[in-house]
């Protein structure tokens, strides 16, 4: 493998990972939002139960 072809491969890999970055960040943000929503839902459900029992 020549030095030039190795360099172009490295550059292609860097560009490819950059292109993948936003989607992985979006996926992480979406999962974080869903996780937070689930926690909020659990809290409100338990609060409603406590109010009914009280």
N, C-alpha and C. Protein backbone atom coordinates (compact mmCIF):
# COMPACT_ATOMS: atom_id res chain seq x y z
N UNK A 1 0.86 -1.20 0.00
CA UNK A 1 0.00 0.00 0.00
C UNK A 1 0.89 1.25 0.00
N UNK A 2 0.61 2.15 -0.91
CA UNK A 2 1.42 3.37 -0.97
C UNK A 2 0.95 4.36 0.08
N UNK A 3 1.81 5.31 0.38
CA UNK A 3 1.48 6.30 1.40
C UNK A 3 0.24 7.10 1.00
N UNK A 4 0.15 7.45 -0.32
CA UNK A 4 -0.98 8.28 -0.77
C UNK A 4 -2.31 7.56 -0.57
N UNK A 5 -2.37 6.28 -0.98
CA UNK A 5 -3.64 5.57 -0.86
C UNK A 5 -4.02 5.39 0.61
N UNK A 6 -3.01 5.19 1.47
CA UNK A 6 -3.29 5.07 2.90
C UNK A 6 -3.88 6.37 3.43
N UNK A 7 -3.31 7.52 2.98
CA UNK A 7 -3.79 8.83 3.43
C UNK A 7 -5.22 9.06 2.96
N UNK A 8 -5.51 8.73 1.69
CA UNK A 8 -6.88 8.95 1.21
C UNK A 8 -7.84 8.07 1.99
N UNK A 9 -7.43 6.84 2.32
CA UNK A 9 -8.30 5.97 3.13
C UNK A 9 -8.58 6.61 4.48
N UNK A 10 -7.55 7.16 5.11
CA UNK A 10 -7.73 7.79 6.42
C UNK A 10 -8.67 8.98 6.31
N UNK A 11 -8.51 9.77 5.23
CA UNK A 11 -9.38 10.94 5.05
C UNK A 11 -10.82 10.50 4.82
N UNK A 12 -11.01 9.47 3.98
CA UNK A 12 -12.36 8.98 3.75
C UNK A 12 -12.99 8.52 5.05
N UNK A 13 -12.21 7.85 5.89
CA UNK A 13 -12.74 7.39 7.17
C UNK A 13 -13.14 8.55 8.05
N UNK A 14 -12.32 9.61 8.05
CA UNK A 14 -12.63 10.78 8.88
C UNK A 14 -13.90 11.45 8.39
N UNK A 15 -14.03 11.57 7.05
CA UNK A 15 -15.23 12.21 6.49
C UNK A 15 -16.45 11.36 6.81
N UNK A 16 -16.30 10.03 6.67
CA UNK A 16 -17.42 9.15 6.94
C UNK A 16 -17.88 9.24 8.39
N UNK A 17 -16.92 9.30 9.32
CA UNK A 17 -17.29 9.38 10.74
C UNK A 17 -17.94 10.73 11.04
N UNK A 18 -17.47 11.78 10.35
CA UNK A 18 -18.10 13.09 10.55
C UNK A 18 -19.54 13.06 10.09
N UNK A 19 -19.78 12.36 8.98
CA UNK A 19 -21.14 12.29 8.46
C UNK A 19 -22.02 11.51 9.43
N UNK A 20 -21.43 10.51 10.10
CA UNK A 20 -22.21 9.71 11.03
C UNK A 20 -22.46 10.44 12.34
N UNK A 21 -21.62 11.43 12.66
CA UNK A 21 -21.74 12.13 13.94
C UNK A 21 -23.14 12.65 14.24
N UNK A 22 -23.70 13.52 13.38
CA UNK A 22 -25.00 14.13 13.72
C UNK A 22 -26.07 13.09 14.02
N UNK A 23 -26.11 12.03 13.23
CA UNK A 23 -27.17 11.04 13.44
C UNK A 23 -27.01 10.36 14.81
N UNK A 24 -25.77 10.08 15.21
CA UNK A 24 -25.58 9.44 16.51
C UNK A 24 -25.92 10.40 17.64
N UNK A 25 -25.61 11.69 17.45
CA UNK A 25 -25.98 12.69 18.46
C UNK A 25 -27.50 12.79 18.54
N UNK A 26 -28.15 12.82 17.38
CA UNK A 26 -29.62 12.87 17.37
C UNK A 26 -30.19 11.65 18.09
N UNK A 27 -29.64 10.48 17.79
CA UNK A 27 -30.15 9.27 18.42
C UNK A 27 -29.99 9.35 19.93
N UNK A 28 -28.84 9.84 20.38
CA UNK A 28 -28.60 9.96 21.82
C UNK A 28 -29.57 10.95 22.44
N UNK A 29 -29.82 12.07 21.73
CA UNK A 29 -30.73 13.08 22.27
C UNK A 29 -32.14 12.53 22.35
N UNK A 30 -32.55 11.78 21.32
CA UNK A 30 -33.90 11.22 21.33
C UNK A 30 -34.05 10.23 22.48
N UNK A 31 -33.05 9.36 22.67
CA UNK A 31 -33.15 8.38 23.75
C UNK A 31 -33.14 9.07 25.11
N UNK A 32 -32.37 10.17 25.22
CA UNK A 32 -32.36 10.92 26.48
C UNK A 32 -33.74 11.51 26.74
N UNK A 33 -34.36 12.07 25.70
CA UNK A 33 -35.69 12.65 25.86
C UNK A 33 -36.69 11.58 26.29
N UNK A 34 -36.66 10.43 25.62
CA UNK A 34 -37.59 9.36 25.98
C UNK A 34 -37.36 8.91 27.41
N UNK A 35 -36.09 8.82 27.81
CA UNK A 35 -35.74 8.41 29.17
C UNK A 35 -36.29 9.42 30.18
N UNK A 36 -36.12 10.72 29.90
CA UNK A 36 -36.62 11.76 30.80
C UNK A 36 -38.14 11.71 30.86
N UNK A 37 -38.78 11.53 29.70
CA UNK A 37 -40.24 11.45 29.69
C UNK A 37 -40.72 10.28 30.54
N UNK A 38 -40.04 9.15 30.44
CA UNK A 38 -40.43 7.97 31.22
C UNK A 38 -40.32 8.27 32.71
N UNK A 39 -39.25 8.95 33.11
CA UNK A 39 -39.07 9.29 34.53
C UNK A 39 -40.18 10.23 34.98
N UNK A 40 -40.47 11.24 34.17
CA UNK A 40 -41.53 12.20 34.53
C UNK A 40 -42.85 11.47 34.66
N UNK A 41 -43.12 10.57 33.71
CA UNK A 41 -44.38 9.83 33.75
C UNK A 41 -44.47 9.00 35.02
N UNK A 42 -43.37 8.33 35.38
CA UNK A 42 -43.37 7.51 36.60
C UNK A 42 -43.62 8.39 37.82
N UNK A 43 -42.98 9.57 37.86
CA UNK A 43 -43.15 10.45 39.01
C UNK A 43 -44.60 10.90 39.12
N UNK A 44 -45.19 11.34 37.99
CA UNK A 44 -46.57 11.83 38.05
C UNK A 44 -47.50 10.69 38.44
N UNK A 45 -47.27 9.49 37.93
CA UNK A 45 -48.13 8.35 38.28
C UNK A 45 -48.04 8.08 39.77
N UNK A 46 -46.83 8.08 40.33
CA UNK A 46 -46.69 7.80 41.76
C UNK A 46 -47.30 8.93 42.58
N UNK A 47 -47.20 10.18 42.10
CA UNK A 47 -47.81 11.30 42.81
C UNK A 47 -49.33 11.16 42.82
N UNK A 48 -49.89 10.77 41.67
CA UNK A 48 -51.34 10.59 41.60
C UNK A 48 -51.76 9.48 42.57
N UNK A 49 -51.01 8.38 42.61
CA UNK A 49 -51.34 7.29 43.53
C UNK A 49 -51.29 7.77 44.97
N UNK A 50 -50.25 8.55 45.30
CA UNK A 50 -50.13 9.05 46.66
C UNK A 50 -51.31 9.94 47.02
N UNK A 51 -51.75 10.77 46.08
CA UNK A 51 -52.88 11.66 46.36
C UNK A 51 -54.14 10.84 46.60
N UNK A 52 -54.34 9.79 45.81
CA UNK A 52 -55.54 8.97 45.98
C UNK A 52 -55.51 8.24 47.32
N UNK A 53 -54.33 7.78 47.73
CA UNK A 53 -54.23 7.04 48.99
C UNK A 53 -54.37 7.98 50.18
N UNK A 54 -53.92 9.20 50.05
CA UNK A 54 -53.93 10.13 51.18
C UNK A 54 -55.34 10.56 51.51
